[in-house]
Amino acid sequence: MHPITWRCSVRNVLHFKRLDEASGDTVELTFEGEPVTARAGETVAAALLAAGHISGRQTPVSGSPRGPYCMMGACFDCLVEIDGEANRQGCMTQVRDGMVVRRMTGARDVDRGSAA
């Protein structure tokens, strides 16, 4: 048997949504050049999932998309580039106004902690 590979071409196919849509201050960040409105205090991973972005990086092994899984900093599937700094855990980083987030691509450079 071949392992199942999940590929999502439809944005927000999992329908992540906030429990309380009506309250809270908002901030705006960009993801891949697209504006994303987030709640102050949310993590980058939660904001991206709520906005329909389920993949934040590609695995260097097969090129398949990866996205937040554990949401508590253990799995490292939520790695993104934040304000030019590679390999940031989206689930452990709070959003802030003006933040620029990009997908991670390529293998990690262990010596410098950046994508190759």
N, C-alpha and C. Protein backbone atom coordinates (compact mmCIF):
# COMPACT_ATOMS: atom_id res chain seq x y z
N MET A 1 0.83 -1.19 0.00
CA MET A 1 0.00 0.00 0.00
C MET A 1 0.87 1.25 0.00
N HIS A 2 0.38 2.25 -0.65
CA HIS A 2 1.07 3.53 -0.68
C HIS A 2 0.53 4.43 0.43
N PRO A 3 1.39 5.20 1.06
CA PRO A 3 0.89 6.13 2.09
C PRO A 3 0.01 7.19 1.45
N ILE A 4 -0.94 7.65 2.20
CA ILE A 4 -1.84 8.69 1.71
C ILE A 4 -1.14 10.04 1.81
N THR A 5 -1.19 10.80 0.75
CA THR A 5 -0.66 12.16 0.75
C THR A 5 -1.84 13.11 0.63
N TRP A 6 -1.96 14.00 1.59
CA TRP A 6 -3.04 14.97 1.56
C TRP A 6 -2.58 16.22 0.83
N ARG A 7 -3.29 16.59 -0.17
CA ARG A 7 -3.02 17.83 -0.89
C ARG A 7 -4.31 18.64 -0.88
N CYS A 8 -4.21 19.85 -0.47
CA CYS A 8 -5.39 20.70 -0.38
C CYS A 8 -5.27 21.84 -1.37
N SER A 9 -6.13 21.84 -2.36
CA SER A 9 -6.12 22.92 -3.33
C SER A 9 -7.23 23.93 -3.04
N VAL A 10 -8.16 23.58 -2.18
CA VAL A 10 -9.25 24.47 -1.83
C VAL A 10 -8.91 25.14 -0.51
N ARG A 11 -8.92 26.47 -0.50
CA ARG A 11 -8.58 27.19 0.72
C ARG A 11 -9.62 26.95 1.79
N ASN A 12 -9.17 26.80 3.01
CA ASN A 12 -9.99 26.58 4.20
C ASN A 12 -10.94 25.40 4.04
N VAL A 13 -10.43 24.34 3.45
CA VAL A 13 -11.22 23.13 3.26
C VAL A 13 -11.65 22.54 4.61
N LEU A 14 -10.93 22.82 5.67
CA LEU A 14 -11.26 22.28 6.98
C LEU A 14 -12.18 23.20 7.78
N HIS A 15 -12.47 24.37 7.26
CA HIS A 15 -13.41 25.31 7.87
C HIS A 15 -13.05 25.70 9.30
N PHE A 16 -11.79 26.06 9.51
CA PHE A 16 -11.40 26.60 10.80
C PHE A 16 -12.10 27.93 10.99
N LYS A 17 -12.63 28.17 12.17
CA LYS A 17 -13.23 29.46 12.47
C LYS A 17 -13.08 29.77 13.95
N ARG A 18 -13.13 31.04 14.24
CA ARG A 18 -13.01 31.47 15.63
C ARG A 18 -14.30 31.16 16.39
N LEU A 19 -14.17 30.87 17.67
CA LEU A 19 -15.35 30.58 18.47
C LEU A 19 -16.20 31.82 18.68
N ASP A 20 -15.56 32.99 18.81
CA ASP A 20 -16.29 34.23 19.03
C ASP A 20 -15.85 35.23 17.97
N GLU A 21 -16.64 35.35 16.92
CA GLU A 21 -16.29 36.22 15.80
C GLU A 21 -16.50 37.71 16.09
N ALA A 22 -17.28 38.04 17.10
CA ALA A 22 -17.71 39.42 17.28
C ALA A 22 -16.83 40.30 18.14
N SER A 23 -15.90 39.74 18.88
CA SER A 23 -15.18 40.59 19.83
C SER A 23 -13.67 40.56 19.60
N GLY A 24 -13.01 41.55 20.16
CA GLY A 24 -11.55 41.59 20.14
C GLY A 24 -10.98 42.58 19.15
N ASP A 25 -9.83 43.13 19.52
CA ASP A 25 -9.10 44.03 18.63
C ASP A 25 -8.48 43.22 17.51
N THR A 26 -8.36 43.84 16.36
CA THR A 26 -7.77 43.14 15.22
C THR A 26 -6.45 43.79 14.81
N VAL A 27 -5.62 42.99 14.17
CA VAL A 27 -4.37 43.45 13.58
C VAL A 27 -4.33 42.92 12.16
N GLU A 28 -3.50 43.54 11.34
CA GLU A 28 -3.37 43.06 9.96
C GLU A 28 -1.93 42.65 9.70
N LEU A 29 -1.79 41.46 9.14
CA LEU A 29 -0.49 40.97 8.72
C LEU A 29 -0.61 40.58 7.26
N THR A 30 0.50 40.24 6.64
CA THR A 30 0.42 39.73 5.27
C THR A 30 1.00 38.33 5.24
N PHE A 31 0.39 37.48 4.42
CA PHE A 31 0.88 36.13 4.19
C PHE A 31 1.02 35.96 2.69
N GLU A 32 2.25 35.77 2.25
CA GLU A 32 2.53 35.65 0.81
C GLU A 32 1.98 36.85 0.05
N GLY A 33 2.09 38.03 0.66
CA GLY A 33 1.66 39.27 0.03
C GLY A 33 0.18 39.56 0.14
N GLU A 34 -0.59 38.65 0.70
CA GLU A 34 -2.04 38.82 0.83
C GLU A 34 -2.38 39.30 2.24
N PRO A 35 -3.22 40.33 2.38
CA PRO A 35 -3.57 40.79 3.72
C PRO A 35 -4.39 39.75 4.49
N VAL A 36 -4.09 39.61 5.77
CA VAL A 36 -4.82 38.70 6.65
C VAL A 36 -5.18 39.48 7.90
N THR A 37 -6.46 39.49 8.24
CA THR A 37 -6.91 40.13 9.47
C THR A 37 -6.92 39.08 10.57
N ALA A 38 -6.31 39.41 11.69
CA ALA A 38 -6.20 38.48 12.82
C ALA A 38 -6.63 39.18 14.09
N ARG A 39 -6.89 38.41 15.10
CA ARG A 39 -7.21 38.94 16.42
C ARG A 39 -5.95 39.16 17.21
N ALA A 40 -5.87 40.27 17.90
CA ALA A 40 -4.74 40.52 18.79
C ALA A 40 -4.68 39.39 19.80
N GLY A 41 -3.49 38.84 20.01
CA GLY A 41 -3.31 37.75 20.95
C GLY A 41 -3.33 36.37 20.32
N GLU A 42 -3.80 36.26 19.07
CA GLU A 42 -3.79 34.98 18.38
C GLU A 42 -2.38 34.62 17.96
N THR A 43 -2.15 33.35 17.73
CA THR A 43 -0.87 32.95 17.16
C THR A 43 -0.94 33.09 15.65
N VAL A 44 0.23 33.14 15.03
CA VAL A 44 0.30 33.21 13.57
C VAL A 44 -0.41 32.00 12.97
N ALA A 45 -0.15 30.81 13.51
CA ALA A 45 -0.77 29.60 12.97
C ALA A 45 -2.29 29.66 13.05
N ALA A 46 -2.84 30.09 14.18
CA ALA A 46 -4.29 30.19 14.33
C ALA A 46 -4.88 31.21 13.36
N ALA A 47 -4.21 32.34 13.20
CA ALA A 47 -4.69 33.37 12.28
C ALA A 47 -4.69 32.88 10.84
N LEU A 48 -3.63 32.18 10.45
CA LEU A 48 -3.56 31.67 9.08
C LEU A 48 -4.61 30.60 8.83
N LEU A 49 -4.81 29.70 9.79
CA LEU A 49 -5.85 28.68 9.64
C LEU A 49 -7.23 29.32 9.52
N ALA A 50 -7.52 30.30 10.36
CA ALA A 50 -8.82 30.97 10.32
C ALA A 50 -9.03 31.71 9.00
N ALA A 51 -7.94 32.15 8.38
CA ALA A 51 -8.02 32.85 7.10
C ALA A 51 -8.03 31.89 5.91
N GLY A 52 -7.92 30.59 6.19
CA GLY A 52 -8.00 29.61 5.11
C GLY A 52 -6.68 29.12 4.58
N HIS A 53 -5.59 29.52 5.19
CA HIS A 53 -4.26 29.08 4.73
C HIS A 53 -3.85 27.87 5.57
N ILE A 54 -3.97 26.68 5.01
CA ILE A 54 -3.71 25.49 5.81
C ILE A 54 -2.29 24.96 5.65
N SER A 55 -1.54 25.51 4.72
CA SER A 55 -0.16 25.06 4.53
C SER A 55 0.79 26.25 4.65
N GLY A 56 1.78 26.12 5.53
CA GLY A 56 2.74 27.20 5.73
C GLY A 56 4.13 26.87 5.24
N ARG A 57 4.34 25.62 4.83
CA ARG A 57 5.66 25.24 4.35
C ARG A 57 5.55 24.00 3.48
N GLN A 58 6.66 23.68 2.82
CA GLN A 58 6.77 22.45 2.05
C GLN A 58 7.89 21.62 2.65
N THR A 59 7.68 20.33 2.78
CA THR A 59 8.73 19.48 3.30
C THR A 59 9.83 19.36 2.24
N PRO A 60 11.09 19.49 2.64
CA PRO A 60 12.18 19.39 1.67
C PRO A 60 12.36 17.98 1.13
N VAL A 61 11.80 16.98 1.78
CA VAL A 61 11.95 15.59 1.34
C VAL A 61 11.16 15.33 0.07
N SER A 62 9.86 15.65 0.09
CA SER A 62 9.01 15.34 -1.06
C SER A 62 8.39 16.57 -1.71
N GLY A 63 8.50 17.72 -1.07
CA GLY A 63 7.88 18.93 -1.59
C GLY A 63 6.41 19.04 -1.24
N SER A 64 5.87 18.10 -0.47
CA SER A 64 4.45 18.14 -0.14
C SER A 64 4.19 19.22 0.92
N PRO A 65 2.98 19.79 0.87
CA PRO A 65 2.65 20.86 1.81
C PRO A 65 2.48 20.34 3.23
N ARG A 66 2.86 21.17 4.19
CA ARG A 66 2.71 20.86 5.61
C ARG A 66 2.04 22.04 6.28
N GLY A 67 1.31 21.78 7.33
CA GLY A 67 0.64 22.84 8.06
C GLY A 67 0.62 22.55 9.54
N PRO A 68 0.13 23.48 10.34
CA PRO A 68 0.09 23.30 11.79
C PRO A 68 -0.65 22.01 12.16
N TYR A 69 -0.08 21.30 13.11
CA TYR A 69 -0.67 20.03 13.53
C TYR A 69 -0.98 20.03 15.03
N CYS A 70 0.05 20.18 15.84
CA CYS A 70 -0.16 20.04 17.29
C CYS A 70 -0.60 21.35 17.96
N MET A 71 -0.24 22.48 17.39
CA MET A 71 -0.57 23.81 17.91
C MET A 71 0.00 24.06 19.31
N MET A 72 1.07 23.33 19.68
CA MET A 72 1.68 23.55 20.99
C MET A 72 3.20 23.49 20.95
N GLY A 73 3.79 23.61 19.76
CA GLY A 73 5.23 23.73 19.64
C GLY A 73 6.02 22.45 19.62
N ALA A 74 5.36 21.31 19.48
CA ALA A 74 6.09 20.03 19.52
C ALA A 74 6.43 19.47 18.14
N CYS A 75 5.57 19.68 17.15
CA CYS A 75 5.74 18.97 15.87
C CYS A 75 6.56 19.74 14.83
N PHE A 76 6.65 21.04 14.92
CA PHE A 76 7.39 21.91 14.00
C PHE A 76 6.84 21.90 12.57
N ASP A 77 5.60 21.46 12.38
CA ASP A 77 4.99 21.52 11.06
C ASP A 77 4.46 22.91 10.73
N CYS A 78 4.48 23.82 11.68
CA CYS A 78 3.96 25.18 11.49
C CYS A 78 5.06 26.18 11.14
N LEU A 79 6.25 25.71 10.79
CA LEU A 79 7.35 26.64 10.52
C LEU A 79 7.03 27.58 9.37
N VAL A 80 7.27 28.86 9.59
CA VAL A 80 7.08 29.90 8.57
C VAL A 80 8.22 30.90 8.71
N GLU A 81 8.32 31.77 7.72
CA GLU A 81 9.26 32.89 7.80
C GLU A 81 8.48 34.10 8.29
N ILE A 82 8.96 34.74 9.34
CA ILE A 82 8.29 35.91 9.91
C ILE A 82 9.25 37.09 9.88
N ASP A 83 8.85 38.14 9.17
CA ASP A 83 9.67 39.35 9.05
C ASP A 83 11.10 39.03 8.64
N GLY A 84 11.25 38.11 7.69
CA GLY A 84 12.56 37.76 7.15
C GLY A 84 13.33 36.74 7.96
N GLU A 85 12.81 36.32 9.10
CA GLU A 85 13.49 35.32 9.94
C GLU A 85 12.86 33.95 9.69
N ALA A 86 13.68 33.03 9.17
CA ALA A 86 13.20 31.70 8.80
C ALA A 86 13.01 30.80 10.02
N ASN A 87 12.24 29.73 9.81
CA ASN A 87 12.05 28.66 10.79
C ASN A 87 11.44 29.12 12.11
N ARG A 88 10.47 30.00 12.02
CA ARG A 88 9.74 30.44 13.22
C ARG A 88 8.52 29.55 13.40
N GLN A 89 8.25 29.15 14.61
CA GLN A 89 7.08 28.34 14.89
C GLN A 89 5.84 29.23 14.94
N GLY A 90 4.99 29.07 13.94
CA GLY A 90 3.79 29.89 13.86
C GLY A 90 2.84 29.69 15.03
N CYS A 91 2.83 28.49 15.60
CA CYS A 91 1.91 28.21 16.71
C CYS A 91 2.40 28.78 18.03
N MET A 92 3.63 29.25 18.07
CA MET A 92 4.19 29.79 19.31
C MET A 92 4.47 31.29 19.22
N THR A 93 4.09 31.91 18.11
CA THR A 93 4.38 33.33 17.88
C THR A 93 3.07 34.10 17.75
N GLN A 94 2.88 35.11 18.60
CA GLN A 94 1.67 35.92 18.52
C GLN A 94 1.75 36.90 17.36
N VAL A 95 0.60 37.15 16.75
CA VAL A 95 0.52 38.10 15.64
C VAL A 95 0.74 39.51 16.16
N ARG A 96 1.19 40.37 15.26
CA ARG A 96 1.26 41.80 15.56
C ARG A 96 1.01 42.55 14.26
N ASP A 97 0.56 43.76 14.40
CA ASP A 97 0.21 44.57 13.24
C ASP A 97 1.42 44.79 12.35
N GLY A 98 1.26 44.60 11.05
CA GLY A 98 2.32 44.82 10.09
C GLY A 98 3.25 43.64 9.86
N MET A 99 3.05 42.55 10.56
CA MET A 99 3.90 41.36 10.43
C MET A 99 3.83 40.83 9.00
N VAL A 100 4.99 40.40 8.49
CA VAL A 100 5.07 39.82 7.14
C VAL A 100 5.44 38.35 7.29
N VAL A 101 4.55 37.48 6.83
CA VAL A 101 4.73 36.04 6.96
C VAL A 101 4.82 35.42 5.57
N ARG A 102 5.77 34.52 5.41
CA ARG A 102 5.94 33.82 4.13
C ARG A 102 6.07 32.32 4.38
N ARG A 103 5.77 31.54 3.35
CA ARG A 103 5.93 30.09 3.42
C ARG A 103 7.41 29.74 3.48
N MET A 104 7.70 28.66 4.17
CA MET A 104 9.06 28.12 4.20
C MET A 104 9.22 27.15 3.03
N THR A 105 10.35 27.25 2.36
CA THR A 105 10.68 26.31 1.29
C THR A 105 12.12 25.89 1.46
N GLY A 106 12.43 24.70 0.99
CA GLY A 106 13.80 24.23 1.04
C GLY A 106 14.17 23.63 2.39
N ALA A 107 15.37 23.10 2.44
CA ALA A 107 15.87 22.47 3.66
C ALA A 107 16.41 23.52 4.62
N ARG A 108 16.35 23.22 5.88
CA ARG A 108 16.86 24.12 6.91
C ARG A 108 18.38 24.07 6.94
N ASP A 109 18.99 25.23 7.05
CA ASP A 109 20.43 25.33 7.25
C ASP A 109 20.65 25.29 8.76
N VAL A 110 21.10 24.15 9.27
CA VAL A 110 21.20 23.94 10.71
C VAL A 110 22.17 24.91 11.37
N ASP A 111 23.27 25.24 10.69
CA ASP A 111 24.26 26.14 11.28
C ASP A 111 23.72 27.54 11.51
N ARG A 112 22.89 28.02 10.59
CA ARG A 112 22.40 29.39 10.69
C ARG A 112 20.91 29.46 11.01
N GLY A 113 20.22 28.32 10.97
CA GLY A 113 18.79 28.32 11.27
C GLY A 113 17.94 28.94 10.19
N SER A 114 18.41 28.93 8.95
CA SER A 114 17.62 29.51 7.87
C SER A 114 17.42 28.49 6.76
N ALA A 115 16.48 28.80 5.87
CA ALA A 115 16.22 27.91 4.74
C ALA A 115 17.34 28.04 3.73
N ALA A 116 17.68 26.93 3.11
CA ALA A 116 18.75 26.93 2.11
C ALA A 116 18.22 27.32 0.75
